[in-house]
Amino acid sequence: MALKVEAKGGKGGNQWDDGSDYEGVTKIHVRGGLQGIQFVKFEYVKAGNTNVGPIHGVYGRGFTQTFEINHLNNEHLVSIKGCYDNTSGMIQALQFETNLRSSEVMGYDENGTKFTLEAGGNKIIGFHGSAETNLTSLGTYFITLPPIKLEQQGGRGGYSWDHGVYTGVRKVYVTYSPTGISHIMVDYDKAGKVETRENGDRLGENRVQGELKEFVLDYPNEYITSVEGTCDPGGSDYSNRIRSLSFKTSKGRISPIYGTAGKRTFVLESKGRALVGFHGQGGYAIDGIGAYFGSHLVPPPPPPAEKLQGIGGDGGASWDDGVFDDVRKIYVGQGESGIASVKFVYDKNNQVVLGEEHGKMTLLGYEEFELAYPSEYITAVEGCYDKIFGGESSIITMLKFKTNVRISPPFGLESTSKFVIEKADHKIVGFHGKASDQLHQFGVSVVPITK
């Protein structure tokens, strides 16, 4: 049975409803004009055939954008982001997200009230809303997707075991020896609590303790998206055991290979879904292994970082801290003429990373600016640079950091050449520049601000 999500947007217009008697959405048509989205039209899948829905709104001067969803590849719609004008009530822009990718922004996403229609990673199968000369509101129908059970790989020795289906995986422990994987233990999440399940024998058939390794996930921000393993196609199912395993996550991380490679490689994955349980076969060892994949929306990979040009002089040697998830703390050291040194504390995968010192600290020491991580992030840097008497290159004389909630005190003294480094709708996740025993140039790396 489909669940109905209330329409979002402005008021007014005529109510419309495409219904929920579909298997999914396969194509979306959006026509934009000067006043907003003129109409939407959806193509649905029903009994394996395409059903083209009616136009909701009015066809006028403008441009039509389309977004196709490959339902034959298990791609399905999971959420919609939009924006509507507070005065006219008309929807100005729409963006559609599937379990695999996102559409471009359709329309003009500039001002107004933003909204999101989502179904917790489940499948949107129909639409309703209101429209007159333009689209006024949009709502959805969605269904809960059942977990997918992938057939086990490997042999059939020992007994069958099945962990069942959980919310997600927090940690995986693997014990192995030269003969293969002897034991697997998993910390699952179940309604916010840890539940541990294990199978196999840590001592294995030869009764010698194997090597135990663990792979920790940043749950709930990270999921296992695929498992790669090897086994040996022996003379019987009992000799065909799991020899090695490795795990890939939604953040693009890949675990080490646990065990020694066998002759046949296999992969357990379901595109766009997260691993939520294991099942398999074995006794003294892990003879076979399979997996459940749930309807969880796998978070998209982080957006690529953009390096903005540094500003200031050309003296000193270049430095670059790289790209991180966020900035936690800033240290600025002043000298007689300007900024003598800087260093930063970053966050990467919820781990604190201390950056190197750039420049040379003076007896004045460091001033600090600490951010309220993770809710606070840097959006811009203001500063000044000037050429000091007798110097061949300009140096940075002042720095000030703007976040999404406040502005830091100025570090240093203002001078004639002022600058601002920022990019709209982006946050700063790394710093670079040039330094000797003073800071000559300062630049940043940014990524788009996401939810």
Protein backbone atom coordinates (compact mmCIF):
# COMPACT_ATOMS: atom_id res chain seq x y z
CA MET A 1 0.00 0.00 0.00
CA ALA A 2 1.34 3.43 -0.99
CA LEU A 3 1.67 6.24 1.55
CA LYS A 4 0.76 9.80 0.59
CA VAL A 5 3.15 12.68 1.34
CA GLU A 6 1.44 16.07 1.70
CA ALA A 7 1.97 18.51 -1.17
CA LYS A 8 4.50 21.32 -0.64
CA GLY A 9 4.40 24.75 -2.24
CA GLY A 10 2.01 27.69 -2.44
CA LYS A 11 -1.75 27.84 -2.09
CA GLY A 12 -4.40 28.02 -4.80
CA GLY A 13 -4.78 26.32 -8.15
CA ASN A 14 -6.78 23.26 -9.12
CA GLN A 15 -6.09 19.97 -7.36
CA TRP A 16 -4.74 17.08 -9.46
CA ASP A 17 -3.75 13.51 -8.61
CA ASP A 18 -2.04 10.95 -10.86
CA GLY A 19 -2.76 8.20 -8.31
CA SER A 20 -0.49 5.56 -6.82
CA ASP A 21 -1.29 2.50 -8.92
CA TYR A 22 2.16 2.35 -10.47
CA GLU A 23 5.43 0.44 -10.09
CA GLY A 24 7.60 3.51 -10.46
CA VAL A 25 8.46 6.70 -12.37
CA THR A 26 10.48 6.40 -15.58
CA LYS A 27 10.54 9.97 -17.04
CA ILE A 28 9.86 13.50 -15.79
CA HIS A 29 9.04 16.57 -17.93
CA VAL A 30 9.33 20.06 -16.42
CA ARG A 31 8.61 23.26 -18.36
CA GLY A 32 9.90 26.50 -16.89
CA GLY A 33 8.96 30.07 -17.75
CA LEU A 34 9.55 33.59 -16.46
CA GLN A 35 7.13 33.23 -13.54
CA GLY A 36 8.13 29.72 -12.49
CA ILE A 37 7.37 26.11 -13.40
CA GLN A 38 4.57 26.18 -16.01
CA PHE A 39 3.78 22.48 -15.93
CA VAL A 40 4.98 19.01 -14.97
CA LYS A 41 4.25 15.70 -16.65
CA PHE A 42 5.25 12.22 -15.50
CA GLU A 43 5.68 8.90 -17.25
CA TYR A 44 5.01 5.89 -15.03
CA VAL A 45 5.65 2.14 -15.21
CA LYS A 46 2.64 -0.16 -14.79
CA ALA A 47 2.67 -3.91 -15.49
CA GLY A 48 5.94 -3.42 -17.36
CA ASN A 49 4.47 -0.80 -19.71
CA THR A 50 4.91 3.00 -19.83
CA ASN A 51 1.88 5.13 -18.91
CA VAL A 52 2.18 8.81 -19.88
CA GLY A 53 0.40 11.08 -17.42
CA PRO A 54 -1.34 14.37 -18.27
CA ILE A 55 0.15 17.86 -18.17
CA HIS A 56 -0.39 19.66 -14.86
CA GLY A 57 -0.29 23.39 -15.56
CA VAL A 58 -0.33 25.30 -18.87
CA TYR A 59 2.01 25.10 -21.84
CA GLY A 60 3.43 28.61 -22.46
CA ARG A 61 6.61 30.32 -23.62
CA GLY A 62 9.56 28.76 -21.89
CA PHE A 63 11.83 25.72 -21.97
CA THR A 64 11.28 22.03 -21.21
CA GLN A 65 13.74 19.89 -19.29
CA THR A 66 13.50 16.12 -18.89
CA PHE A 67 14.97 13.55 -16.51
CA GLU A 68 14.90 9.84 -17.37
CA ILE A 69 15.04 7.12 -14.71
CA ASN A 70 16.37 3.71 -15.74
CA HIS A 71 13.93 1.48 -13.87
CA LEU A 72 15.29 -1.57 -15.71
CA ASN A 73 18.57 -1.00 -13.82
CA ASN A 74 16.76 -0.83 -10.45
CA GLU A 75 16.98 2.97 -10.44
CA HIS A 76 14.09 4.64 -8.66
CA LEU A 77 13.06 8.09 -7.42
CA VAL A 78 13.66 8.78 -3.71
CA SER A 79 13.37 12.54 -3.13
CA ILE A 80 12.60 15.96 -4.63
CA LYS A 81 13.94 19.36 -3.68
CA GLY A 82 12.07 22.50 -4.66
CA CYS A 83 11.53 26.20 -4.15
CA TYR A 84 8.37 28.32 -4.40
CA ASP A 85 7.72 32.07 -4.46
CA ASN A 86 6.15 33.39 -1.26
CA THR A 87 4.07 36.04 -3.05
CA SER A 88 2.71 34.21 -6.11
CA GLY A 89 2.81 30.75 -4.55
CA MET A 90 4.25 29.34 -7.80
CA ILE A 91 6.95 26.69 -7.71
CA GLN A 92 10.17 28.14 -9.13
CA ALA A 93 12.51 25.15 -9.30
CA LEU A 94 12.61 21.37 -8.89
CA GLN A 95 15.44 18.85 -8.55
CA PHE A 96 14.88 15.08 -8.55
CA GLU A 97 17.08 12.51 -6.79
CA THR A 98 17.18 8.77 -7.42
CA ASN A 99 18.96 6.06 -5.46
CA LEU A 100 21.87 6.48 -7.91
CA ARG A 101 22.09 10.16 -8.95
CA SER A 102 20.49 13.62 -9.05
CA SER A 103 18.97 15.62 -11.89
CA GLU A 104 20.05 19.15 -12.71
CA VAL A 105 18.03 21.95 -11.14
CA MET A 106 14.99 22.54 -13.36
CA GLY A 107 13.78 26.14 -13.37
CA TYR A 108 15.35 29.02 -11.43
CA ASP A 109 16.34 28.19 -7.85
CA GLU A 110 17.09 31.73 -6.68
CA ASN A 111 14.75 33.07 -4.00
CA GLY A 112 11.73 31.88 -2.06
CA THR A 113 10.92 29.07 0.32
CA LYS A 114 12.76 25.78 -0.14
CA PHE A 115 11.15 22.40 0.50
CA THR A 116 12.00 18.71 0.31
CA LEU A 117 9.79 15.73 -0.47
CA GLU A 118 11.46 12.49 0.62
CA ALA A 119 10.54 8.99 1.64
CA GLY A 120 13.46 7.88 3.81
CA GLY A 121 15.21 6.20 0.88
CA ASN A 122 12.04 4.38 -0.20
CA LYS A 123 10.52 4.51 -3.67
CA ILE A 124 8.35 7.36 -5.00
CA ILE A 125 5.76 5.89 -7.39
CA GLY A 126 3.24 8.71 -7.98
CA PHE A 127 2.47 12.43 -7.72
CA HIS A 128 -0.33 14.80 -6.79
CA GLY A 129 -0.54 18.57 -6.30
CA SER A 130 -2.20 21.72 -7.59
CA ALA A 131 -1.79 23.86 -10.69
CA GLU A 132 -3.48 26.52 -12.80
CA THR A 133 -1.42 28.65 -15.18
CA ASN A 134 1.66 27.43 -13.30
CA LEU A 135 2.51 24.60 -10.91
CA THR A 136 1.51 25.65 -7.39
CA SER A 137 2.28 22.59 -5.24
CA LEU A 138 3.67 19.08 -5.52
CA GLY A 139 3.23 15.96 -3.37
CA THR A 140 4.16 12.29 -3.72
CA TYR A 141 3.14 8.69 -3.11
CA PHE A 142 5.78 6.19 -2.00
CA ILE A 143 6.11 2.52 -1.12
CA THR A 144 8.51 0.76 1.24
CA LEU A 145 10.96 -1.46 -0.61
CA PRO A 146 11.56 -4.93 0.85
CA PRO A 147 15.16 -6.02 1.47
CA ILE A 148 16.86 -7.97 -1.30
CA LYS A 149 18.45 -11.29 -0.33
CA LEU A 150 21.45 -12.11 -2.54
CA GLU A 151 22.33 -15.78 -2.96
CA GLN A 152 25.34 -16.95 -1.01
CA GLN A 153 28.66 -17.52 -2.74
CA GLY A 154 31.20 -20.25 -1.95
CA GLY A 155 30.62 -23.78 -0.70
CA ARG A 156 27.89 -25.64 1.16
CA GLY A 157 29.81 -27.25 4.02
CA GLY A 158 28.68 -27.06 7.64
CA TYR A 159 25.30 -25.63 8.60
CA SER A 160 23.24 -22.69 7.34
CA TRP A 161 23.16 -19.45 9.34
CA ASP A 162 21.25 -16.21 8.83
CA HIS A 163 21.70 -12.92 10.70
CA GLY A 164 18.48 -11.46 9.29
CA VAL A 165 17.85 -7.80 8.44
CA TYR A 166 18.94 -4.79 10.56
CA THR A 167 18.97 -1.02 10.23
CA GLY A 168 22.65 -0.95 9.27
CA VAL A 169 26.18 -2.17 10.01
CA ARG A 170 28.46 -0.46 12.53
CA LYS A 171 31.50 -2.75 12.52
CA VAL A 172 32.70 -6.00 10.91
CA TYR A 173 35.29 -8.36 12.47
CA VAL A 174 36.99 -10.95 10.28
CA THR A 175 39.28 -13.76 11.48
CA TYR A 176 41.40 -15.47 8.83
CA SER A 177 44.40 -17.76 8.35
CA PRO A 178 46.28 -19.02 5.29
CA THR A 179 43.46 -21.51 4.68
CA GLY A 180 40.74 -18.84 4.48
CA ILE A 181 38.10 -16.99 6.52
CA SER A 182 37.38 -18.91 9.72
CA HIS A 183 35.05 -16.50 11.57
CA ILE A 184 32.97 -13.38 10.99
CA MET A 185 31.32 -11.16 13.60
CA VAL A 186 29.15 -8.10 12.90
CA ASP A 187 27.95 -5.24 15.10
CA TYR A 188 24.58 -4.29 13.64
CA ASP A 189 22.37 -1.32 14.48
CA LYS A 190 18.84 -2.15 15.56
CA ALA A 191 16.67 0.82 16.53
CA GLY A 192 19.72 2.70 17.79
CA LYS A 193 21.17 -0.21 19.78
CA VAL A 194 24.08 -2.52 18.92
CA GLU A 195 23.28 -6.18 18.30
CA THR A 196 26.20 -8.55 17.61
CA ARG A 197 25.98 -11.75 15.54
CA GLU A 198 28.82 -14.15 14.74
CA ASN A 199 29.50 -17.39 12.89
CA GLY A 200 32.39 -19.71 12.21
CA ASP A 201 35.22 -20.62 14.59
CA ARG A 202 38.08 -18.28 15.48
CA LEU A 203 40.40 -21.28 15.89
CA GLY A 204 39.42 -22.89 12.61
CA GLU A 205 39.87 -26.59 11.78
CA ASN A 206 43.52 -26.66 12.84
CA ARG A 207 42.57 -25.17 16.25
CA VAL A 208 45.06 -22.31 15.87
CA GLN A 209 43.96 -18.74 16.46
CA GLY A 210 43.77 -16.84 13.17
CA GLU A 211 44.40 -13.13 12.62
CA LEU A 212 41.50 -10.94 13.75
CA LYS A 213 40.87 -7.63 11.95
CA GLU A 214 38.06 -5.12 12.28
CA PHE A 215 36.54 -2.64 9.84
CA VAL A 216 34.70 0.29 11.47
CA LEU A 217 32.05 2.34 9.66
CA ASP A 218 30.99 5.92 10.36
CA TYR A 219 27.41 4.80 10.95
CA PRO A 220 24.83 6.23 10.20
CA ASN A 221 26.71 8.43 7.73
CA GLU A 222 28.41 5.48 6.03
CA TYR A 223 27.12 2.15 4.72
CA ILE A 224 28.62 -0.96 3.19
CA THR A 225 27.66 -0.90 -0.50
CA SER A 226 29.42 -4.02 -1.71
CA VAL A 227 31.38 -7.07 -0.56
CA GLU A 228 34.08 -8.62 -2.74
CA GLY A 229 35.41 -12.06 -1.96
CA THR A 230 37.18 -15.06 -3.37
CA CYS A 231 36.66 -18.80 -3.02
CA ASP A 232 38.07 -22.00 -4.51
CA PRO A 233 35.96 -24.07 -6.90
CA GLY A 234 37.11 -27.37 -5.41
CA GLY A 235 36.07 -30.90 -6.21
CA SER A 236 33.05 -30.64 -3.92
CA ASP A 237 31.04 -27.92 -2.20
CA TYR A 238 32.77 -28.80 1.09
CA SER A 239 36.21 -27.81 -0.23
CA ASN A 240 34.94 -24.60 -1.80
CA ARG A 241 35.35 -22.12 1.06
CA ILE A 242 35.58 -18.35 1.38
CA ARG A 243 39.27 -17.46 1.13
CA SER A 244 39.16 -13.65 1.31
CA LEU A 245 36.78 -10.73 1.89
CA SER A 246 36.88 -6.95 1.46
CA PHE A 247 34.24 -4.24 1.91
CA LYS A 248 33.44 -1.05 -0.01
CA THR A 249 31.43 1.82 1.54
CA SER A 250 29.22 4.70 0.45
CA LYS A 251 32.12 7.10 1.14
CA GLY A 252 34.30 5.34 -1.39
CA ARG A 253 36.44 3.65 1.27
CA ILE A 254 37.68 0.12 0.61
CA SER A 255 38.81 -2.12 3.44
CA PRO A 256 42.03 -4.16 3.26
CA ILE A 257 41.70 -7.64 1.78
CA TYR A 258 41.21 -10.02 4.68
CA GLY A 259 42.57 -13.49 3.89
CA THR A 260 44.42 -14.96 0.93
CA ALA A 261 42.94 -14.75 -2.56
CA GLY A 262 41.23 -17.82 -3.94
CA LYS A 263 40.72 -18.79 -7.57
CA ARG A 264 37.21 -17.39 -8.10
CA THR A 265 36.10 -13.80 -7.41
CA PHE A 266 32.55 -12.77 -6.52
CA VAL A 267 30.81 -9.50 -5.62
CA LEU A 268 27.73 -8.99 -3.44
CA GLU A 269 26.01 -5.65 -4.17
CA SER A 270 22.68 -4.06 -5.11
CA LYS A 271 23.13 -0.67 -6.75
CA GLY A 272 21.95 2.24 -4.66
CA ARG A 273 21.22 0.05 -1.62
CA ALA A 274 23.00 -0.52 1.69
CA LEU A 275 24.04 -3.84 3.20
CA VAL A 276 21.83 -4.63 6.22
CA GLY A 277 22.61 -8.27 7.02
CA PHE A 278 24.63 -11.41 6.23
CA HIS A 279 23.72 -15.07 5.80
CA GLY A 280 25.81 -18.07 4.88
CA GLN A 281 27.10 -21.55 5.54
CA GLY A 282 29.85 -23.07 7.64
CA GLY A 283 31.12 -24.67 10.83
CA TYR A 284 34.83 -24.41 11.60
CA ALA A 285 35.10 -21.89 8.76
CA ILE A 286 32.99 -19.59 6.60
CA ASP A 287 32.18 -21.90 3.70
CA GLY A 288 29.64 -19.61 2.02
CA ILE A 289 28.41 -16.04 2.44
CA GLY A 290 25.49 -13.98 1.11
CA ALA A 291 23.94 -10.64 2.04
CA TYR A 292 20.77 -8.62 2.47
CA PHE A 293 20.53 -5.15 0.95
CA GLY A 294 17.92 -2.76 2.32
CA SER A 295 16.03 0.21 0.95
CA HIS A 296 18.32 2.72 2.65
CA LEU A 297 19.38 5.54 0.39
CA VAL A 298 23.14 5.27 0.02
CA PRO A 299 24.57 8.77 0.51
CA PRO A 300 26.05 10.17 -2.71
CA PRO A 301 29.82 10.55 -2.84
CA PRO A 302 31.08 13.86 -1.49
CA PRO A 303 31.16 16.65 -4.10
CA PRO A 304 34.55 17.41 -5.64
CA ALA A 305 36.51 20.21 -4.00
CA GLU A 306 37.45 23.37 -5.87
CA LYS A 307 40.70 25.19 -5.15
CA LEU A 308 40.25 28.99 -5.19
CA GLN A 309 43.20 31.14 -6.21
CA GLY A 310 45.41 32.36 -3.37
CA ILE A 311 45.73 36.13 -2.79
CA GLY A 312 48.78 38.10 -1.63
CA GLY A 313 52.47 38.10 -2.58
CA ASP A 314 54.63 35.56 -4.42
CA GLY A 315 57.33 35.16 -1.80
CA GLY A 316 58.06 32.04 0.21
CA ALA A 317 57.36 28.38 -0.58
CA SER A 318 53.98 26.97 -1.56
CA TRP A 319 51.98 24.87 0.93
CA ASP A 320 48.65 23.07 0.73
CA ASP A 321 46.92 21.24 3.57
CA GLY A 322 44.61 19.42 1.16
CA VAL A 323 40.85 18.81 1.43
CA PHE A 324 38.93 17.68 4.52
CA ASP A 325 35.31 17.34 5.65
CA ASP A 326 35.36 20.47 7.83
CA VAL A 327 37.49 22.91 9.82
CA ARG A 328 37.40 22.61 13.62
CA LYS A 329 39.92 25.22 14.85
CA ILE A 330 42.15 28.01 13.53
CA TYR A 331 45.46 29.28 14.96
CA VAL A 332 46.87 32.63 13.77
CA GLY A 333 50.29 33.87 14.91
CA GLN A 334 51.21 37.53 14.49
CA GLY A 335 54.59 39.13 13.92
CA GLU A 336 55.81 42.71 13.92
CA SER A 337 54.69 43.41 10.35
CA GLY A 338 51.85 40.98 9.70
CA ILE A 339 50.75 37.37 10.01
CA ALA A 340 53.76 35.26 10.91
CA SER A 341 52.17 31.79 10.85
CA VAL A 342 48.92 29.82 10.65
CA LYS A 343 47.85 26.26 11.38
CA PHE A 344 44.50 24.50 11.34
CA VAL A 345 42.67 21.61 12.96
CA TYR A 346 40.46 19.74 10.49
CA ASP A 347 37.89 16.93 10.59
CA LYS A 348 38.11 13.90 8.32
CA ASN A 349 35.65 11.00 8.71
CA ASN A 350 34.90 12.23 12.25
CA GLN A 351 38.60 12.10 13.12
CA VAL A 352 40.57 15.15 14.29
CA VAL A 353 43.47 16.01 11.96
CA LEU A 354 46.09 18.57 13.04
CA GLY A 355 47.58 20.47 10.10
CA GLU A 356 51.19 21.61 9.87
CA GLU A 357 52.43 25.06 10.84
CA HIS A 358 52.89 27.45 7.89
CA GLY A 359 55.28 30.33 8.54
CA LYS A 360 57.21 30.77 11.78
CA MET A 361 55.64 31.37 15.17
CA THR A 362 56.92 34.41 17.09
CA LEU A 363 57.11 35.10 20.82
CA LEU A 364 53.59 36.51 20.54
CA GLY A 365 52.30 32.94 20.15
CA TYR A 366 48.93 32.02 18.61
CA GLU A 367 45.44 33.44 18.79
CA GLU A 368 42.68 30.84 18.40
CA PHE A 369 39.27 30.67 16.75
CA GLU A 370 37.33 27.48 17.50
CA LEU A 371 34.23 26.49 15.55
CA ALA A 372 31.15 24.79 17.00
CA TYR A 373 31.70 21.64 14.93
CA PRO A 374 29.73 20.09 13.25
CA SER A 375 26.97 22.73 13.03
CA GLU A 376 29.31 25.64 12.25
CA TYR A 377 31.47 25.92 9.14
CA ILE A 378 33.52 28.62 7.38
CA THR A 379 31.97 30.35 4.36
CA ALA A 380 34.47 33.16 3.64
CA VAL A 381 37.85 34.66 4.53
CA GLU A 382 38.49 38.39 4.60
CA GLY A 383 42.00 39.76 4.74
CA CYS A 384 44.58 42.38 3.84
CA TYR A 385 48.05 42.25 2.35
CA ASP A 386 50.80 44.85 1.90
CA LYS A 387 54.45 45.18 0.95
CA ILE A 388 56.50 46.01 4.02
CA PHE A 389 59.54 48.31 3.98
CA GLY A 390 62.57 46.53 2.55
CA GLY A 391 60.59 43.46 1.52
CA GLU A 392 60.45 42.10 -2.02
CA SER A 393 57.09 40.39 -1.62
CA SER A 394 53.80 41.40 -0.04
CA ILE A 395 52.72 39.64 3.14
CA ILE A 396 49.31 38.95 4.66
CA THR A 397 48.70 41.55 7.38
CA MET A 398 45.20 40.57 8.56
CA LEU A 399 42.81 37.59 8.43
CA LYS A 400 39.17 37.34 9.49
CA PHE A 401 36.93 34.28 9.13
CA LYS A 402 33.20 34.30 8.40
CA THR A 403 31.06 31.28 9.32
CA ASN A 404 27.41 30.41 8.77
CA VAL A 405 26.60 31.94 12.19
CA ARG A 406 29.22 34.63 13.04
CA ILE A 407 32.41 36.48 12.12
CA SER A 408 35.71 36.00 13.96
CA PRO A 409 37.69 38.93 15.40
CA PRO A 410 40.30 40.34 12.99
CA PHE A 411 43.72 38.75 13.45
CA GLY A 412 46.38 41.35 12.62
CA LEU A 413 46.07 44.90 11.25
CA GLU A 414 44.21 46.21 8.23
CA SER A 415 46.22 47.62 5.33
CA THR A 416 45.46 49.14 1.94
CA SER A 417 44.93 45.98 -0.16
CA LYS A 418 41.81 44.17 1.05
CA PHE A 419 40.40 40.89 -0.25
CA VAL A 420 37.56 38.43 0.26
CA ILE A 421 37.78 34.74 -0.68
CA GLU A 422 34.43 32.93 -0.98
CA LYS A 423 32.10 31.11 -3.34
CA ALA A 424 28.33 31.29 -3.01
CA ASP A 425 26.67 28.20 -1.51
CA HIS A 426 30.08 26.64 -0.71
CA LYS A 427 31.98 26.06 2.52
CA ILE A 428 35.74 26.09 3.13
CA VAL A 429 37.29 22.67 3.80
CA GLY A 430 41.01 23.35 3.36
CA PHE A 431 43.67 26.05 3.09
CA HIS A 432 46.74 26.67 0.93
CA GLY A 433 49.18 29.53 0.30
CA LYS A 434 52.82 30.62 0.38
CA ALA A 435 55.00 31.24 3.42
CA SER A 436 58.58 31.83 4.55
CA ASP A 437 59.00 33.09 8.11
CA GLN A 438 55.84 35.08 7.33
CA LEU A 439 52.58 34.35 5.49
CA HIS A 440 52.81 35.77 1.96
CA GLN A 441 49.73 34.32 0.25
CA PHE A 442 46.47 32.76 1.39
CA GLY A 443 43.90 30.63 -0.45
CA VAL A 444 41.15 28.09 0.25
CA SER A 445 39.51 24.91 -1.07
CA VAL A 446 35.70 24.76 -1.07
CA VAL A 447 32.89 22.24 -1.58
CA PRO A 448 29.14 22.81 -2.09
CA ILE A 449 27.11 23.11 1.11
CA THR A 450 24.93 20.00 1.35
CA LYS A 451 22.21 18.95 3.78
